Amino acid sequence: MRLYLVRHGNAEQGSNDMVRPLSREGIDEVKKVAEFLKTHGVQVHTVYHSVRLRAKQTAEIIHDRLKVKKMMIERSGLSPDDDVSSVADFIDQQKDDVMFVGHMPFMGRLVSLLVTGEEDRNVVAFPTGGVAILEKKRDQPWLISGMIDPKIL
């Protein structure tokens, strides 16, 4: 199984964090990443995204480019300071390749928990619009199999 963890693209500044949209730069970042994923044959069953606007917009761009098999699903528990353990448990129950779009520091802590068993290990740098690709085979632990940084695409 492959797991794609995406940090939302660069967002506009604003006081209401829940409704801050992607900036023009953020839209461009995410389009580049989505096109890269499409070109490399990435297919996911479902895209889950946080309740915040910039994550939803990021998920929409990727969903549209990849022609995701199932759907986009808004999911609570993916916000910056949410507890990562419930999402990690949910991920461990999945059978198909899936994608989660969320925020820092949540996404970094989730990668750390899945890979090391400790959420505070800080094992990945996560730029805006970046994607961490994790892979798990049967009873093996999660491994980071790739990282995409839109600045180098």
N, C-alpha and C. Protein backbone atom coordinates (compact mmCIF):
# COMPACT_ATOMS: atom_id res chain seq x y z
N MET A 1 0.84 -1.18 0.00
CA MET A 1 0.00 0.00 0.00
C MET A 1 0.89 1.24 0.00
N ARG A 2 0.46 2.23 -0.75
CA ARG A 2 1.15 3.52 -0.74
C ARG A 2 0.24 4.57 -0.11
N LEU A 3 0.89 5.45 0.60
CA LEU A 3 0.21 6.53 1.29
C LEU A 3 0.86 7.83 0.85
N TYR A 4 0.04 8.76 0.36
CA TYR A 4 0.53 10.06 -0.09
C TYR A 4 0.06 11.11 0.90
N LEU A 5 1.00 11.73 1.59
CA LEU A 5 0.68 12.76 2.57
C LEU A 5 1.10 14.10 1.99
N VAL A 6 0.14 15.00 1.84
CA VAL A 6 0.35 16.26 1.14
C VAL A 6 0.15 17.42 2.10
N ARG A 7 1.10 18.33 2.10
CA ARG A 7 0.91 19.59 2.80
C ARG A 7 0.27 20.56 1.81
N HIS A 8 -0.76 21.25 2.23
CA HIS A 8 -1.45 22.19 1.35
C HIS A 8 -0.45 23.17 0.72
N GLY A 9 -0.86 23.75 -0.41
CA GLY A 9 -0.04 24.74 -1.07
C GLY A 9 0.03 26.04 -0.28
N ASN A 10 0.92 26.92 -0.70
CA ASN A 10 1.07 28.23 -0.07
C ASN A 10 -0.27 28.95 -0.02
N ALA A 11 -0.57 29.58 1.11
CA ALA A 11 -1.87 30.22 1.30
C ALA A 11 -1.74 31.73 1.46
N GLU A 12 -2.83 32.42 1.15
CA GLU A 12 -2.92 33.86 1.39
C GLU A 12 -2.83 34.12 2.89
N GLN A 13 -2.36 35.30 3.24
CA GLN A 13 -2.34 35.70 4.65
C GLN A 13 -3.75 36.15 5.04
N GLY A 14 -4.08 35.98 6.29
CA GLY A 14 -5.40 36.41 6.75
C GLY A 14 -5.60 36.06 8.20
N SER A 15 -6.60 36.66 8.79
CA SER A 15 -6.81 36.45 10.22
C SER A 15 -7.66 35.21 10.50
N ASN A 16 -8.55 34.83 9.59
CA ASN A 16 -9.39 33.66 9.82
C ASN A 16 -8.74 32.44 9.17
N ASP A 17 -8.03 31.68 9.98
CA ASP A 17 -7.24 30.55 9.48
C ASP A 17 -8.08 29.50 8.78
N MET A 18 -9.33 29.35 9.14
CA MET A 18 -10.19 28.31 8.56
C MET A 18 -10.50 28.57 7.09
N VAL A 19 -10.53 29.82 6.68
CA VAL A 19 -10.97 30.14 5.32
C VAL A 19 -9.89 30.79 4.46
N ARG A 20 -8.63 30.68 4.88
CA ARG A 20 -7.56 31.24 4.05
C ARG A 20 -7.41 30.40 2.79
N PRO A 21 -7.54 31.04 1.61
CA PRO A 21 -7.42 30.29 0.35
C PRO A 21 -5.96 30.13 -0.07
N LEU A 22 -5.74 29.28 -1.05
CA LEU A 22 -4.42 29.17 -1.65
C LEU A 22 -4.07 30.49 -2.34
N SER A 23 -2.81 30.84 -2.28
CA SER A 23 -2.32 32.00 -3.03
C SER A 23 -2.11 31.57 -4.49
N ARG A 24 -1.83 32.51 -5.37
CA ARG A 24 -1.51 32.17 -6.76
C ARG A 24 -0.31 31.23 -6.80
N GLU A 25 0.69 31.54 -5.97
CA GLU A 25 1.88 30.67 -5.88
C GLU A 25 1.49 29.27 -5.42
N GLY A 26 0.60 29.19 -4.44
CA GLY A 26 0.15 27.89 -3.93
C GLY A 26 -0.58 27.08 -4.98
N ILE A 27 -1.43 27.74 -5.75
CA ILE A 27 -2.15 27.05 -6.83
C ILE A 27 -1.14 26.50 -7.84
N ASP A 28 -0.16 27.31 -8.20
CA ASP A 28 0.86 26.87 -9.16
C ASP A 28 1.67 25.69 -8.61
N GLU A 29 2.04 25.75 -7.32
CA GLU A 29 2.79 24.65 -6.69
C GLU A 29 2.01 23.35 -6.80
N VAL A 30 0.75 23.41 -6.40
CA VAL A 30 -0.06 22.21 -6.35
C VAL A 30 -0.32 21.66 -7.76
N LYS A 31 -0.53 22.55 -8.73
CA LYS A 31 -0.71 22.08 -10.11
C LYS A 31 0.53 21.35 -10.61
N LYS A 32 1.72 21.89 -10.29
CA LYS A 32 2.97 21.23 -10.69
C LYS A 32 3.08 19.83 -10.07
N VAL A 33 2.78 19.75 -8.78
CA VAL A 33 2.86 18.47 -8.08
C VAL A 33 1.83 17.50 -8.65
N ALA A 34 0.61 17.96 -8.87
CA ALA A 34 -0.44 17.10 -9.40
C ALA A 34 -0.07 16.57 -10.79
N GLU A 35 0.49 17.43 -11.62
CA GLU A 35 0.91 17.01 -12.96
C GLU A 35 2.04 16.00 -12.88
N PHE A 36 2.98 16.21 -11.97
CA PHE A 36 4.08 15.27 -11.76
C PHE A 36 3.53 13.90 -11.33
N LEU A 37 2.60 13.90 -10.39
CA LEU A 37 2.00 12.64 -9.92
C LEU A 37 1.27 11.94 -11.06
N LYS A 38 0.53 12.70 -11.85
CA LYS A 38 -0.21 12.12 -12.98
C LYS A 38 0.75 11.52 -14.00
N THR A 39 1.79 12.27 -14.35
CA THR A 39 2.77 11.81 -15.32
C THR A 39 3.45 10.51 -14.89
N HIS A 40 3.58 10.33 -13.58
CA HIS A 40 4.24 9.14 -13.05
C HIS A 40 3.25 8.05 -12.66
N GLY A 41 2.02 8.17 -13.13
CA GLY A 41 1.04 7.10 -12.99
C GLY A 41 0.47 6.88 -11.60
N VAL A 42 0.56 7.89 -10.76
CA VAL A 42 0.01 7.74 -9.41
C VAL A 42 -1.51 7.64 -9.47
N GLN A 43 -2.03 6.65 -8.78
CA GLN A 43 -3.48 6.48 -8.66
C GLN A 43 -3.80 6.23 -7.20
N VAL A 44 -4.79 6.94 -6.71
CA VAL A 44 -5.23 6.72 -5.33
C VAL A 44 -6.72 6.43 -5.33
N HIS A 45 -7.14 5.71 -4.33
CA HIS A 45 -8.55 5.35 -4.21
C HIS A 45 -9.37 6.51 -3.69
N THR A 46 -8.87 7.21 -2.68
CA THR A 46 -9.60 8.30 -2.05
C THR A 46 -8.63 9.39 -1.62
N VAL A 47 -9.10 10.63 -1.69
CA VAL A 47 -8.35 11.78 -1.18
C VAL A 47 -9.11 12.34 0.02
N TYR A 48 -8.47 12.30 1.17
CA TYR A 48 -9.04 12.89 2.39
C TYR A 48 -8.38 14.25 2.60
N HIS A 49 -9.15 15.23 3.04
CA HIS A 49 -8.57 16.55 3.29
C HIS A 49 -9.15 17.15 4.56
N SER A 50 -8.42 18.09 5.12
CA SER A 50 -8.87 18.75 6.35
C SER A 50 -10.04 19.67 6.04
N VAL A 51 -10.61 20.22 7.09
CA VAL A 51 -11.78 21.09 6.96
C VAL A 51 -11.40 22.51 6.55
N ARG A 52 -10.12 22.82 6.50
CA ARG A 52 -9.68 24.18 6.17
C ARG A 52 -9.65 24.37 4.65
N LEU A 53 -10.01 25.57 4.20
CA LEU A 53 -10.18 25.86 2.79
C LEU A 53 -8.95 25.55 1.95
N ARG A 54 -7.76 25.93 2.40
CA ARG A 54 -6.56 25.74 1.58
C ARG A 54 -6.25 24.25 1.35
N ALA A 55 -6.58 23.41 2.32
CA ALA A 55 -6.40 21.96 2.14
C ALA A 55 -7.43 21.42 1.17
N LYS A 56 -8.65 21.90 1.26
CA LYS A 56 -9.71 21.47 0.33
C LYS A 56 -9.34 21.87 -1.09
N GLN A 57 -8.87 23.09 -1.29
CA GLN A 57 -8.48 23.54 -2.62
C GLN A 57 -7.32 22.70 -3.17
N THR A 58 -6.36 22.39 -2.32
CA THR A 58 -5.24 21.54 -2.72
C THR A 58 -5.75 20.17 -3.16
N ALA A 59 -6.63 19.59 -2.35
CA ALA A 59 -7.20 18.28 -2.67
C ALA A 59 -7.98 18.32 -3.97
N GLU A 60 -8.73 19.38 -4.21
CA GLU A 60 -9.51 19.50 -5.45
C GLU A 60 -8.62 19.50 -6.68
N ILE A 61 -7.53 20.26 -6.63
CA ILE A 61 -6.62 20.33 -7.77
C ILE A 61 -6.03 18.95 -8.05
N ILE A 62 -5.56 18.28 -7.02
CA ILE A 62 -4.96 16.95 -7.19
C ILE A 62 -6.01 15.94 -7.65
N HIS A 63 -7.17 15.97 -7.02
CA HIS A 63 -8.26 15.06 -7.36
C HIS A 63 -8.62 15.18 -8.83
N ASP A 64 -8.76 16.41 -9.31
CA ASP A 64 -9.13 16.64 -10.71
C ASP A 64 -8.05 16.16 -11.67
N ARG A 65 -6.79 16.40 -11.36
CA ARG A 65 -5.69 16.01 -12.25
C ARG A 65 -5.50 14.49 -12.28
N LEU A 66 -5.64 13.85 -11.12
CA LEU A 66 -5.39 12.41 -11.05
C LEU A 66 -6.59 11.57 -11.43
N LYS A 67 -7.75 12.19 -11.54
CA LYS A 67 -8.98 11.44 -11.81
C LYS A 67 -9.11 10.30 -10.81
N VAL A 68 -9.16 10.67 -9.55
CA VAL A 68 -9.20 9.73 -8.43
C VAL A 68 -10.36 8.76 -8.59
N LYS A 69 -10.11 7.50 -8.28
CA LYS A 69 -11.09 6.44 -8.48
C LYS A 69 -12.37 6.66 -7.69
N LYS A 70 -12.26 7.10 -6.46
CA LYS A 70 -13.45 7.22 -5.64
C LYS A 70 -13.82 8.68 -5.47
N MET A 71 -13.41 9.31 -4.40
CA MET A 71 -13.88 10.66 -4.14
C MET A 71 -12.93 11.42 -3.22
N MET A 72 -13.33 12.66 -2.99
CA MET A 72 -12.68 13.48 -1.96
C MET A 72 -13.57 13.44 -0.74
N ILE A 73 -12.96 13.31 0.41
CA ILE A 73 -13.72 13.26 1.65
C ILE A 73 -13.11 14.24 2.64
N GLU A 74 -13.94 15.17 3.13
CA GLU A 74 -13.50 16.07 4.19
C GLU A 74 -13.43 15.26 5.47
N ARG A 75 -12.32 15.40 6.20
CA ARG A 75 -12.13 14.61 7.41
C ARG A 75 -11.60 15.50 8.51
N SER A 76 -12.26 15.47 9.63
CA SER A 76 -11.73 16.20 10.78
C SER A 76 -10.50 15.45 11.30
N GLY A 77 -9.71 16.13 12.13
CA GLY A 77 -8.54 15.49 12.71
C GLY A 77 -7.26 15.68 11.91
N LEU A 78 -7.27 16.54 10.87
CA LEU A 78 -6.08 16.77 10.05
C LEU A 78 -5.54 18.19 10.20
N SER A 79 -6.04 18.91 11.19
CA SER A 79 -5.62 20.31 11.40
C SER A 79 -4.26 20.37 12.09
N PRO A 80 -3.62 21.54 12.09
CA PRO A 80 -2.23 21.65 12.55
C PRO A 80 -1.90 20.98 13.88
N ASP A 81 -2.73 21.17 14.88
CA ASP A 81 -2.38 20.66 16.21
C ASP A 81 -3.20 19.46 16.65
N ASP A 82 -3.88 18.80 15.72
CA ASP A 82 -4.68 17.62 16.06
C ASP A 82 -3.79 16.45 16.45
N ASP A 83 -4.39 15.51 17.18
CA ASP A 83 -3.71 14.29 17.59
C ASP A 83 -3.53 13.38 16.37
N VAL A 84 -2.35 12.89 16.14
CA VAL A 84 -2.08 12.08 14.95
C VAL A 84 -2.44 10.61 15.12
N SER A 85 -2.60 10.13 16.34
CA SER A 85 -2.78 8.69 16.55
C SER A 85 -4.07 8.14 15.94
N SER A 86 -5.16 8.90 15.99
CA SER A 86 -6.41 8.37 15.42
C SER A 86 -6.32 8.28 13.89
N VAL A 87 -5.66 9.22 13.26
CA VAL A 87 -5.47 9.15 11.81
C VAL A 87 -4.53 8.01 11.46
N ALA A 88 -3.48 7.82 12.24
CA ALA A 88 -2.56 6.70 12.00
C ALA A 88 -3.30 5.36 12.11
N ASP A 89 -4.17 5.24 13.08
CA ASP A 89 -4.97 4.01 13.23
C ASP A 89 -5.87 3.81 12.02
N PHE A 90 -6.50 4.88 11.55
CA PHE A 90 -7.37 4.81 10.38
C PHE A 90 -6.57 4.39 9.15
N ILE A 91 -5.39 4.96 8.98
CA ILE A 91 -4.53 4.61 7.84
C ILE A 91 -4.17 3.14 7.87
N ASP A 92 -3.87 2.61 9.04
CA ASP A 92 -3.48 1.20 9.15
C ASP A 92 -4.61 0.25 8.78
N GLN A 93 -5.85 0.75 8.74
CA GLN A 93 -6.99 -0.08 8.35
C GLN A 93 -7.26 -0.06 6.85
N GLN A 94 -6.59 0.83 6.12
CA GLN A 94 -6.83 0.97 4.68
C GLN A 94 -6.13 -0.15 3.90
N LYS A 95 -6.73 -0.51 2.78
CA LYS A 95 -6.15 -1.54 1.92
C LYS A 95 -5.66 -0.96 0.59
N ASP A 96 -6.28 0.15 0.17
CA ASP A 96 -5.94 0.77 -1.11
C ASP A 96 -5.03 1.97 -0.90
N ASP A 97 -4.35 2.39 -1.97
CA ASP A 97 -3.53 3.61 -1.92
C ASP A 97 -4.45 4.80 -1.67
N VAL A 98 -4.09 5.64 -0.71
CA VAL A 98 -4.89 6.80 -0.36
C VAL A 98 -4.00 8.03 -0.19
N MET A 99 -4.66 9.19 -0.16
CA MET A 99 -3.96 10.46 0.01
C MET A 99 -4.64 11.25 1.11
N PHE A 100 -3.83 11.94 1.90
CA PHE A 100 -4.33 12.85 2.93
C PHE A 100 -3.71 14.21 2.68
N VAL A 101 -4.53 15.25 2.72
CA VAL A 101 -4.06 16.62 2.54
C VAL A 101 -4.31 17.37 3.84
N GLY A 102 -3.25 17.90 4.42
CA GLY A 102 -3.39 18.58 5.70
C GLY A 102 -2.35 19.66 5.90
N HIS A 103 -1.95 19.85 7.14
CA HIS A 103 -1.18 21.01 7.57
C HIS A 103 0.01 20.59 8.41
N MET A 104 0.94 21.51 8.53
CA MET A 104 2.05 21.35 9.48
C MET A 104 1.63 22.00 10.79
N PRO A 105 2.05 21.49 11.91
CA PRO A 105 3.02 20.40 12.08
C PRO A 105 2.39 19.01 12.05
N PHE A 106 1.07 18.92 11.88
CA PHE A 106 0.38 17.63 11.89
C PHE A 106 1.01 16.62 10.92
N MET A 107 1.18 17.02 9.66
CA MET A 107 1.66 16.07 8.66
C MET A 107 3.06 15.54 9.01
N GLY A 108 3.93 16.40 9.48
CA GLY A 108 5.26 15.96 9.89
C GLY A 108 5.21 14.98 11.05
N ARG A 109 4.34 15.28 12.02
CA ARG A 109 4.21 14.37 13.17
C ARG A 109 3.62 13.03 12.75
N LEU A 110 2.69 13.05 11.78
CA LEU A 110 2.09 11.80 11.30
C LEU A 110 3.14 10.93 10.62
N VAL A 111 3.96 11.52 9.76
CA VAL A 111 5.04 10.75 9.12
C VAL A 111 5.95 10.15 10.19
N SER A 112 6.34 10.96 11.16
CA SER A 112 7.23 10.47 12.21
C SER A 112 6.62 9.30 12.98
N LEU A 113 5.34 9.42 13.33
CA LEU A 113 4.67 8.33 14.06
C LEU A 113 4.62 7.06 13.23
N LEU A 114 4.24 7.18 11.97
CA LEU A 114 4.12 5.99 11.13
C LEU A 114 5.48 5.32 10.91
N VAL A 115 6.52 6.10 10.71
CA VAL A 115 7.83 5.55 10.37
C VAL A 115 8.61 5.10 11.60
N THR A 116 8.56 5.89 12.68
CA THR A 116 9.40 5.58 13.85
C THR A 116 8.63 5.10 15.07
N GLY A 117 7.31 5.31 15.07
CA GLY A 117 6.51 4.97 16.24
C GLY A 117 6.47 6.10 17.25
N GLU A 118 7.17 7.20 16.95
CA GLU A 118 7.20 8.36 17.84
C GLU A 118 6.91 9.62 17.02
N GLU A 119 5.88 10.36 17.40
CA GLU A 119 5.48 11.51 16.60
C GLU A 119 6.42 12.71 16.69
N ASP A 120 7.27 12.77 17.68
CA ASP A 120 8.14 13.93 17.87
C ASP A 120 9.56 13.72 17.31
N ARG A 121 9.76 12.75 16.46
CA ARG A 121 11.10 12.45 15.93
C ARG A 121 11.54 13.38 14.80
N ASN A 122 10.60 14.03 14.11
CA ASN A 122 10.91 15.01 13.06
C ASN A 122 11.82 14.41 11.98
N VAL A 123 11.24 13.52 11.17
CA VAL A 123 12.03 12.78 10.18
C VAL A 123 11.90 13.30 8.75
N VAL A 124 11.10 14.36 8.54
CA VAL A 124 10.88 14.81 7.16
C VAL A 124 10.73 16.33 7.11
N ALA A 125 11.33 16.94 6.09
CA ALA A 125 11.09 18.36 5.81
C ALA A 125 9.88 18.42 4.89
N PHE A 126 8.95 19.31 5.16
CA PHE A 126 7.68 19.31 4.44
C PHE A 126 7.37 20.70 3.90
N PRO A 127 7.78 21.02 2.66
CA PRO A 127 7.48 22.33 2.10
C PRO A 127 6.00 22.45 1.75
N THR A 128 5.51 23.68 1.58
CA THR A 128 4.13 23.83 1.13
C THR A 128 4.00 23.17 -0.23
N GLY A 129 2.90 22.46 -0.41
CA GLY A 129 2.68 21.73 -1.65
C GLY A 129 3.47 20.45 -1.76
N GLY A 130 4.25 20.12 -0.73
CA GLY A 130 5.09 18.92 -0.76
C GLY A 130 4.31 17.65 -0.49
N VAL A 131 4.86 16.54 -0.95
CA VAL A 131 4.24 15.23 -0.78
C VAL A 131 5.26 14.26 -0.20
N ALA A 132 4.87 13.61 0.88
CA ALA A 132 5.66 12.50 1.41
C ALA A 132 4.97 11.22 0.95
N ILE A 133 5.73 10.32 0.37
CA ILE A 133 5.19 9.05 -0.11
C ILE A 133 5.70 7.96 0.81
N LEU A 134 4.77 7.29 1.46
CA LEU A 134 5.12 6.20 2.36
C LEU A 134 4.61 4.89 1.78
N GLU A 135 5.30 3.83 2.08
CA GLU A 135 4.92 2.53 1.56
C GLU A 135 4.99 1.50 2.68
N LYS A 136 4.02 0.58 2.64
CA LYS A 136 3.99 -0.49 3.63
C LYS A 136 3.63 -1.79 2.93
N LYS A 137 4.38 -2.82 3.21
CA LYS A 137 4.11 -4.14 2.64
C LYS A 137 3.74 -5.09 3.77
N ARG A 138 2.56 -5.62 3.66
CA ARG A 138 2.01 -6.58 4.63
C ARG A 138 2.34 -6.24 6.08
N ASP A 139 3.14 -7.05 6.73
CA ASP A 139 3.43 -6.84 8.15
C ASP A 139 4.70 -6.05 8.39
N GLN A 140 5.19 -5.37 7.36
CA GLN A 140 6.39 -4.57 7.49
C GLN A 140 6.05 -3.18 8.02
N PRO A 141 7.02 -2.45 8.55
CA PRO A 141 6.76 -1.08 9.00
C PRO A 141 6.65 -0.13 7.80
N TRP A 142 6.08 1.04 8.04
CA TRP A 142 6.02 2.08 7.01
C TRP A 142 7.42 2.57 6.71
N LEU A 143 7.69 2.84 5.43
CA LEU A 143 8.95 3.41 4.99
C LEU A 143 8.67 4.63 4.13
N ILE A 144 9.52 5.63 4.22
CA ILE A 144 9.41 6.78 3.32
C ILE A 144 10.04 6.34 2.00
N SER A 145 9.23 6.28 0.96
CA SER A 145 9.76 5.82 -0.33
C SER A 145 10.00 6.97 -1.29
N GLY A 146 9.58 8.19 -0.91
CA GLY A 146 9.83 9.33 -1.77
C GLY A 146 9.33 10.61 -1.17
N MET A 147 9.83 11.71 -1.72
CA MET A 147 9.42 13.04 -1.29
C MET A 147 9.38 13.93 -2.51
N ILE A 148 8.33 14.70 -2.65
CA ILE A 148 8.21 15.62 -3.78
C ILE A 148 8.17 17.04 -3.25
N ASP A 149 9.06 17.87 -3.76
CA ASP A 149 9.12 19.29 -3.40
C ASP A 149 8.80 20.09 -4.65
N PRO A 150 7.70 20.85 -4.66
CA PRO A 150 7.34 21.58 -5.87
C PRO A 150 8.39 22.58 -6.34
N LYS A 151 9.26 23.01 -5.48
CA LYS A 151 10.30 23.98 -5.85
C LYS A 151 11.36 23.37 -6.77
N ILE A 152 11.46 22.04 -6.78
CA ILE A 152 12.46 21.43 -7.65
C ILE A 152 11.84 20.81 -8.90
N LEU A 153 10.54 20.94 -9.05
CA LEU A 153 9.88 20.39 -10.25
C LEU A 153 9.96 21.39 -11.39
